[in-house]
């Protein structure tokens, strides 16, 4: 029996990926991370604030994503068929280890430089008969799928604007907070934008370096793509934007300052757990705007990753390396997720 390895399987996203896959593939899921003892208990008695639960039927394994030799041993010992990568590794060595063995890879990562490294392994994946699906979360992920739809509706967009609203009250994973701090330490590339976010009214969002704004230029050939972010709490959004303008996060590039910034953001929760994403595509006087709303961004990302994994294991996806928006078999994923309370919207143009 082949295994399904979830790396980062104890975090806010990974535990939900593991639990969802365990419902479909009982006994095959292995949650791996550096601290198995930190895995959420199946009965929820540990009272984790992110609400994640890891069923007792999911096996645990100790694994440091940077220890490639240990990863290779685990892949071989468990006859792993697919790896779901829920943490960002330092480089593409994890992807190379998987694809060279014919092991499928599903990556929820949002750093373009890492995704480009995996794209470069396309020939190796094809030779090994493996499929790698990148941008397999909420943003990137569902944002990519909406972007392709909007792009096609306007007959080929010249500009795409992606707006991501996240719940400031949600308990985000440490890796997600660290990723945000690192992006806030960089100068803003572009201007802020105001638009109506379904369920939240008109909001102002500031540019943030999500990977979808880079990968969509390659997959769709759109010359200008910008991703912006805001929080459901207008106060928290203004606070982050103000601190960024003051270069506070730029000072957090030092190790100690970075740890302090991550710890501070991990403890501040002013708002709810609702999220919304909106994609606007423009081609001359043609404009299409699509959106999705739901609750618990970590859960939404996990659901996307789990559904993509099931599709990969079902054999319905081509071998090679692909971003999610390049796979027609996954185009209806937003509708499939409606049963989980993730609701599509068509916005007024």
Protein backbone atom coordinates (compact mmCIF):
# COMPACT_ATOMS: atom_id res chain seq x y z
CA UNK A 1 0.00 0.00 0.00
CA UNK A 2 1.51 3.33 -1.07
CA UNK A 3 1.63 6.25 1.32
CA UNK A 4 0.64 9.90 1.09
CA UNK A 5 3.16 12.09 2.88
CA UNK A 6 2.07 15.50 4.20
CA UNK A 7 5.17 17.53 5.03
CA UNK A 8 4.30 20.17 7.60
CA UNK A 9 1.46 17.88 8.59
CA UNK A 10 1.14 19.23 12.14
CA UNK A 11 0.43 22.86 11.23
CA UNK A 12 -2.77 24.77 10.65
CA UNK A 13 -2.89 23.75 6.97
CA UNK A 14 -1.10 20.41 7.11
CA UNK A 15 -3.25 18.88 9.86
CA UNK A 16 -6.38 19.70 7.86
CA UNK A 17 -4.87 18.28 4.67
CA UNK A 18 -4.00 15.09 6.54
CA UNK A 19 -7.46 14.78 8.08
CA UNK A 20 -9.26 15.34 4.77
CA UNK A 21 -7.07 12.88 2.86
CA UNK A 22 -7.51 10.32 5.65
CA UNK A 23 -11.27 10.32 4.97
CA UNK A 24 -10.63 9.32 1.34
CA UNK A 25 -7.51 7.18 1.80
CA UNK A 26 -7.73 5.67 5.30
CA UNK A 27 -4.51 4.23 6.61
CA UNK A 28 -2.35 5.74 3.86
CA UNK A 29 -1.68 9.24 5.21
CA UNK A 30 1.56 10.10 7.02
CA UNK A 31 1.85 13.52 8.68
CA UNK A 32 5.49 14.55 8.97
CA UNK A 33 7.22 17.39 10.77
CA UNK A 34 10.08 18.23 13.05
CA UNK A 35 8.06 17.72 16.26
CA UNK A 36 5.59 14.81 16.17
CA UNK A 37 4.79 15.47 19.82
CA UNK A 38 3.34 18.84 18.75
CA UNK A 39 0.79 17.20 16.46
CA UNK A 40 -2.81 18.13 17.35
CA UNK A 41 -4.58 15.36 19.24
CA UNK A 42 -7.51 13.59 17.58
CA UNK A 43 -9.84 14.35 20.49
CA UNK A 44 -9.00 18.05 20.43
CA UNK A 45 -8.05 17.96 24.11
CA UNK A 46 -4.96 20.05 23.41
CA UNK A 47 -7.35 22.96 22.68
CA UNK A 48 -5.33 24.27 19.75
CA UNK A 49 -6.63 27.74 18.82
CA UNK A 50 -6.46 26.98 15.08
CA UNK A 51 -9.01 24.19 15.51
CA UNK A 52 -6.88 21.63 13.64
CA UNK A 53 -7.34 17.94 14.47
CA UNK A 54 -5.21 15.01 13.38
CA UNK A 55 -7.18 11.72 13.32
CA UNK A 56 -5.73 8.80 15.19
CA UNK A 57 -5.61 6.83 11.93
CA UNK A 58 -3.01 9.24 10.50
CA UNK A 59 0.52 8.04 11.14
CA UNK A 60 3.17 10.45 12.44
CA UNK A 61 6.76 10.77 11.31
CA UNK A 62 9.65 12.99 12.32
CA UNK A 63 11.12 14.90 9.38
CA UNK A 64 13.06 18.10 8.88
CA UNK A 65 12.29 19.46 5.41
CA UNK A 66 15.95 20.45 5.04
CA UNK A 67 17.17 16.87 5.67
CA UNK A 68 16.92 15.45 2.16
CA UNK A 69 18.65 12.17 3.01
CA UNK A 70 16.03 11.47 5.69
CA UNK A 71 13.26 12.44 3.26
CA UNK A 72 14.55 9.98 0.67
CA UNK A 73 14.63 7.20 3.25
CA UNK A 74 11.05 7.95 4.23
CA UNK A 75 9.86 8.10 0.61
CA UNK A 76 11.39 4.70 -0.09
CA UNK A 77 10.43 3.00 3.17
CA UNK A 78 6.77 4.03 2.94
CA UNK A 79 6.52 3.60 -0.84
CA UNK A 80 5.14 7.14 -0.99
CA UNK A 81 2.96 7.89 -4.03
CA UNK A 82 2.38 11.60 -3.38
CA UNK A 83 3.86 14.35 -1.23
CA UNK A 84 1.85 17.39 -0.13
CA UNK A 85 4.25 20.19 0.75
CA UNK A 86 2.69 22.46 3.38
CA UNK A 87 5.90 24.23 4.43
CA UNK A 88 8.36 26.18 2.32
CA UNK A 89 11.70 24.39 1.93
CA UNK A 90 14.97 26.26 1.40
CA UNK A 91 15.20 25.16 -2.24
CA UNK A 92 13.90 22.66 -4.79
CA UNK A 93 15.72 19.66 -3.30
CA UNK A 94 12.46 18.23 -1.88
CA UNK A 95 10.79 18.48 -5.27
CA UNK A 96 13.79 16.91 -6.99
CA UNK A 97 13.85 14.00 -4.55
CA UNK A 98 10.16 13.34 -5.19
CA UNK A 99 9.98 13.79 -8.94
CA UNK A 100 13.13 11.79 -9.65
CA UNK A 101 11.45 8.85 -7.87
CA UNK A 102 8.18 9.22 -9.74
CA UNK A 103 6.47 10.61 -6.60
CA UNK A 104 3.75 13.19 -7.27
CA UNK A 105 4.10 16.61 -5.64
CA UNK A 106 1.40 19.04 -4.53
CA UNK A 107 2.84 22.38 -3.37
CA UNK A 108 0.87 25.08 -1.52
CA UNK A 109 3.87 27.44 -1.45
CA UNK A 110 3.54 31.12 -2.31
CA UNK A 111 7.16 32.15 -3.05
CA UNK A 112 7.80 32.61 -6.74
CA UNK A 113 11.55 31.97 -6.64
CA UNK A 114 10.93 28.50 -5.20
CA UNK A 115 8.14 27.69 -7.64
CA UNK A 116 10.39 28.68 -10.54
CA UNK A 117 12.96 26.18 -9.31
CA UNK A 118 10.35 23.43 -9.37
CA UNK A 119 9.19 24.51 -12.85
CA UNK A 120 12.75 23.86 -14.01
CA UNK A 121 12.30 20.18 -13.04
CA UNK A 122 9.59 19.59 -15.65
CA UNK A 123 11.71 17.20 -17.74
CA UNK A 124 12.64 15.17 -14.68
CA UNK A 125 8.98 14.88 -13.65
CA UNK A 126 7.95 13.77 -17.13
CA UNK A 127 10.74 11.21 -17.32
CA UNK A 128 9.71 9.80 -13.94
CA UNK A 129 6.00 9.74 -14.77
CA UNK A 130 5.23 12.16 -11.93
CA UNK A 131 2.89 15.12 -11.71
CA UNK A 132 3.70 18.27 -9.78
CA UNK A 133 0.89 20.75 -9.13
CA UNK A 134 2.00 24.18 -7.93
CA UNK A 135 -0.14 27.01 -6.53
CA UNK A 136 -2.41 24.52 -4.78
CA UNK A 137 -4.04 26.64 -2.08
CA UNK A 138 -6.21 29.70 -1.64
CA UNK A 139 -3.73 32.36 -2.78
CA UNK A 140 -2.05 31.16 -4.88
CA UNK A 141 -4.54 28.56 -6.01
CA UNK A 142 -8.16 29.61 -6.17
CA UNK A 143 -6.94 33.07 -7.17
CA UNK A 144 -5.22 31.48 -10.18
CA UNK A 145 -8.38 29.66 -11.23
CA UNK A 146 -10.49 32.81 -10.97
CA UNK A 147 -7.84 34.72 -12.91
CA UNK A 148 -8.01 32.27 -15.80
CA UNK A 149 -11.80 32.51 -15.92
CA UNK A 150 -11.75 36.30 -15.85
CA UNK A 151 -8.96 36.36 -18.43
CA UNK A 152 -11.02 34.22 -20.81
CA UNK A 153 -14.17 36.27 -20.25
CA UNK A 154 -12.53 39.46 -21.48
CA UNK A 155 -10.90 37.76 -24.44
CA UNK A 156 -7.38 37.99 -23.05
CA UNK A 157 -6.64 40.37 -20.21
CA UNK A 158 -4.06 43.10 -20.45
CA UNK A 159 -4.21 43.64 -16.69
CA UNK A 160 -5.29 41.49 -13.77
CA UNK A 161 -5.78 42.77 -10.21
CA UNK A 162 -6.03 40.19 -7.43
CA UNK A 163 -7.29 41.26 -4.01
CA UNK A 164 -7.01 38.95 -1.00
CA UNK A 165 -8.85 39.73 2.25
CA UNK A 166 -7.89 37.54 5.21
CA UNK A 167 -9.45 37.24 8.64
CA UNK A 168 -7.27 38.99 11.23
CA UNK A 169 -8.89 36.92 13.96
CA UNK A 170 -7.82 33.57 12.52
CA UNK A 171 -4.95 31.68 14.13
CA UNK A 172 -2.56 31.44 11.20
CA UNK A 173 0.32 29.00 11.16
CA UNK A 174 3.82 30.15 12.11
CA UNK A 175 5.08 29.64 8.56
CA UNK A 176 2.29 31.80 7.14
CA UNK A 177 3.05 34.59 9.61
CA UNK A 178 6.78 34.37 8.83
CA UNK A 179 6.05 34.54 5.10
CA UNK A 180 3.94 37.68 5.63
CA UNK A 181 6.61 39.38 7.74
CA UNK A 182 9.22 38.66 5.08
CA UNK A 183 6.99 40.20 2.37
CA UNK A 184 6.19 43.24 4.48
CA UNK A 185 9.91 43.86 4.84
CA UNK A 186 10.12 44.56 1.10
CA UNK A 187 9.16 47.87 -0.52
CA UNK A 188 5.64 47.91 -1.96
CA UNK A 189 5.62 47.26 -5.72
CA UNK A 190 2.65 49.27 -6.95
CA UNK A 191 -0.16 51.36 -5.52
CA UNK A 192 -2.92 50.47 -3.08
CA UNK A 193 -6.38 49.87 -4.51
CA UNK A 194 -9.95 50.23 -3.25
CA UNK A 195 -12.61 47.78 -4.32
CA UNK A 196 -15.74 46.09 -3.01
CA UNK A 197 -15.03 42.75 -1.33
CA UNK A 198 -18.19 40.61 -1.03
CA UNK A 199 -19.39 40.50 2.55
CA UNK A 200 -16.96 43.21 3.64
CA UNK A 201 -17.84 46.31 1.65
CA UNK A 202 -15.36 48.68 0.03
CA UNK A 203 -11.83 48.05 1.28
CA UNK A 204 -8.32 49.33 0.63
CA UNK A 205 -5.66 46.70 -0.08
CA UNK A 206 -1.89 47.15 -0.43
CA UNK A 207 0.47 45.27 -2.77
CA UNK A 208 2.09 42.13 -1.37
CA UNK A 209 4.42 39.75 -3.17
CA UNK A 210 2.20 36.68 -3.63
CA UNK A 211 3.50 34.25 -6.24
CA UNK A 212 0.32 34.28 -8.35
CA UNK A 213 1.11 37.74 -9.72
CA UNK A 214 4.32 36.30 -11.18
CA UNK A 215 3.21 32.85 -12.31
CA UNK A 216 0.09 34.14 -14.09
CA UNK A 217 2.24 36.28 -16.34
CA UNK A 218 3.91 33.06 -17.46
CA UNK A 219 0.86 30.78 -17.64
CA UNK A 220 -1.64 33.27 -19.09
CA UNK A 221 0.71 35.68 -20.83
CA UNK A 222 -0.87 38.67 -19.08
CA UNK A 223 1.61 41.58 -19.08
CA UNK A 224 0.48 43.21 -15.81
CA UNK A 225 -0.69 41.28 -12.72
CA UNK A 226 -0.75 42.72 -9.19
CA UNK A 227 -1.81 40.98 -5.97
CA UNK A 228 -2.90 43.07 -2.99
CA UNK A 229 -3.90 42.13 0.53
CA UNK A 230 -6.03 43.55 3.31
CA UNK A 231 -7.45 42.20 6.56
CA UNK A 232 -11.08 42.03 7.61
CA UNK A 233 -10.18 44.50 10.34
CA UNK A 234 -9.69 47.91 8.72
CA UNK A 235 -7.68 48.99 11.77
CA UNK A 236 -5.28 46.06 11.42
CA UNK A 237 -4.89 46.75 7.70
CA UNK A 238 -4.05 50.41 8.32
CA UNK A 239 -1.64 49.44 11.09
CA UNK A 240 0.29 47.01 8.88
CA UNK A 241 0.35 49.45 5.97
CA UNK A 242 1.56 52.24 8.25
CA UNK A 243 4.30 50.12 9.80
CA UNK A 244 5.40 49.11 6.33
CA UNK A 245 5.61 52.73 5.18
CA UNK A 246 7.75 53.46 8.25
CA UNK A 247 10.05 50.58 7.24
CA UNK A 248 9.44 48.85 10.56
CA UNK A 249 9.32 45.43 8.93
CA UNK A 250 12.45 46.18 6.91
CA UNK A 251 14.25 46.40 10.23
CA UNK A 252 12.93 42.90 11.00
CA UNK A 253 15.36 41.33 8.55
CA UNK A 254 17.70 40.70 11.45
CA UNK A 255 17.13 37.29 13.08
CA UNK A 256 16.07 38.56 16.52
CA UNK A 257 13.90 41.37 15.14
CA UNK A 258 12.28 38.92 12.71
CA UNK A 259 11.42 36.53 15.54
CA UNK A 260 9.93 39.37 17.58
CA UNK A 261 7.83 40.57 14.62
CA UNK A 262 6.53 37.05 13.96
CA UNK A 263 5.69 36.53 17.63
CA UNK A 264 3.85 39.86 17.79
CA UNK A 265 1.73 39.19 14.70
CA UNK A 266 0.99 35.64 15.90
CA UNK A 267 -0.57 37.03 19.09
CA UNK A 268 -2.63 39.90 17.67
CA UNK A 269 -6.08 38.76 16.54
CA UNK A 270 -8.47 41.66 15.95
CA UNK A 271 -11.22 40.49 13.64
CA UNK A 272 -12.94 37.32 12.47
CA UNK A 273 -11.94 34.33 10.38
CA UNK A 274 -13.76 35.23 7.17
CA UNK A 275 -11.84 35.57 3.91
CA UNK A 276 -12.61 36.88 0.44
CA UNK A 277 -10.64 36.89 -2.80
CA UNK A 278 -11.47 38.98 -5.84
CA UNK A 279 -9.98 38.96 -9.34
CA UNK A 280 -10.49 41.77 -11.86
CA UNK A 281 -9.45 41.29 -15.49
CA UNK A 282 -9.33 44.21 -17.93
CA UNK A 283 -8.92 44.25 -21.70
CA UNK A 284 -9.64 47.71 -23.09
CA UNK A 285 -13.24 48.49 -22.21
CA UNK A 286 -13.98 44.87 -21.24
CA UNK A 287 -13.95 44.07 -17.53
CA UNK A 288 -14.75 40.90 -15.59
CA UNK A 289 -14.71 40.58 -11.80
CA UNK A 290 -15.01 37.25 -9.97
CA UNK A 291 -14.79 36.48 -6.25
CA UNK A 292 -14.96 33.79 -3.58
CA UNK A 293 -15.86 34.04 0.10
CA UNK A 294 -15.61 31.65 3.00
CA UNK A 295 -14.27 31.14 6.50
CA UNK A 296 -10.88 29.96 7.76
CA UNK A 297 -8.20 30.63 5.14
CA UNK A 298 -6.07 27.73 6.43
CA UNK A 299 -8.96 25.33 5.99
CA UNK A 300 -9.63 26.62 2.45
CA UNK A 301 -5.98 26.15 1.48
CA UNK A 302 -6.04 22.63 2.95
CA UNK A 303 -9.21 21.71 1.04
CA UNK A 304 -7.70 22.85 -2.25
CA UNK A 305 -4.51 20.87 -1.60
CA UNK A 306 -6.46 17.76 -0.59
CA UNK A 307 -8.74 17.87 -3.65
CA UNK A 308 -5.75 18.36 -5.94
CA UNK A 309 -4.02 15.39 -4.31
CA UNK A 310 -7.07 13.19 -4.88
CA UNK A 311 -7.16 14.26 -8.54
CA UNK A 312 -3.46 13.48 -8.97
CA UNK A 313 -3.80 10.05 -7.38
CA UNK A 314 -6.86 9.37 -9.54
CA UNK A 315 -4.64 9.54 -12.61
CA UNK A 316 -6.60 12.28 -14.33
CA UNK A 317 -3.81 14.84 -14.56
CA UNK A 318 -0.90 14.93 -17.02
CA UNK A 319 2.67 14.27 -15.94
CA UNK A 320 5.07 17.19 -15.70
CA UNK A 321 5.05 20.40 -13.66
CA UNK A 322 1.95 22.59 -13.82
CA UNK A 323 0.40 25.48 -11.95
CA UNK A 324 -3.19 24.79 -10.95
CA UNK A 325 -4.60 27.16 -13.59
CA UNK A 326 -2.92 25.12 -16.34
CA UNK A 327 -5.00 22.02 -15.59
CA UNK A 328 -8.51 22.03 -17.13
CA UNK A 329 -9.53 19.07 -14.94
CA UNK A 330 -9.30 21.38 -11.90
CA UNK A 331 -11.10 24.36 -13.45
CA UNK A 332 -14.36 23.59 -11.60
CA UNK A 333 -12.70 23.33 -8.20
CA UNK A 334 -14.38 26.53 -6.89
CA UNK A 335 -17.79 24.93 -7.49
CA UNK A 336 -16.71 21.65 -5.90
CA UNK A 337 -15.74 23.53 -2.75
CA UNK A 338 -19.17 25.14 -2.41
CA UNK A 339 -20.26 22.24 -0.21
CA UNK A 340 -17.67 23.47 2.34
CA UNK A 341 -19.13 26.97 2.43
CA UNK A 342 -16.72 28.52 -0.08
CA UNK A 343 -19.04 30.57 -2.24
CA UNK A 344 -18.29 31.93 -5.76
CA UNK A 345 -19.50 35.43 -6.71
CA UNK A 346 -19.73 37.37 -9.96
CA UNK A 347 -19.12 41.02 -9.17
CA UNK A 348 -20.57 44.00 -11.10
CA UNK A 349 -18.18 45.20 -13.80
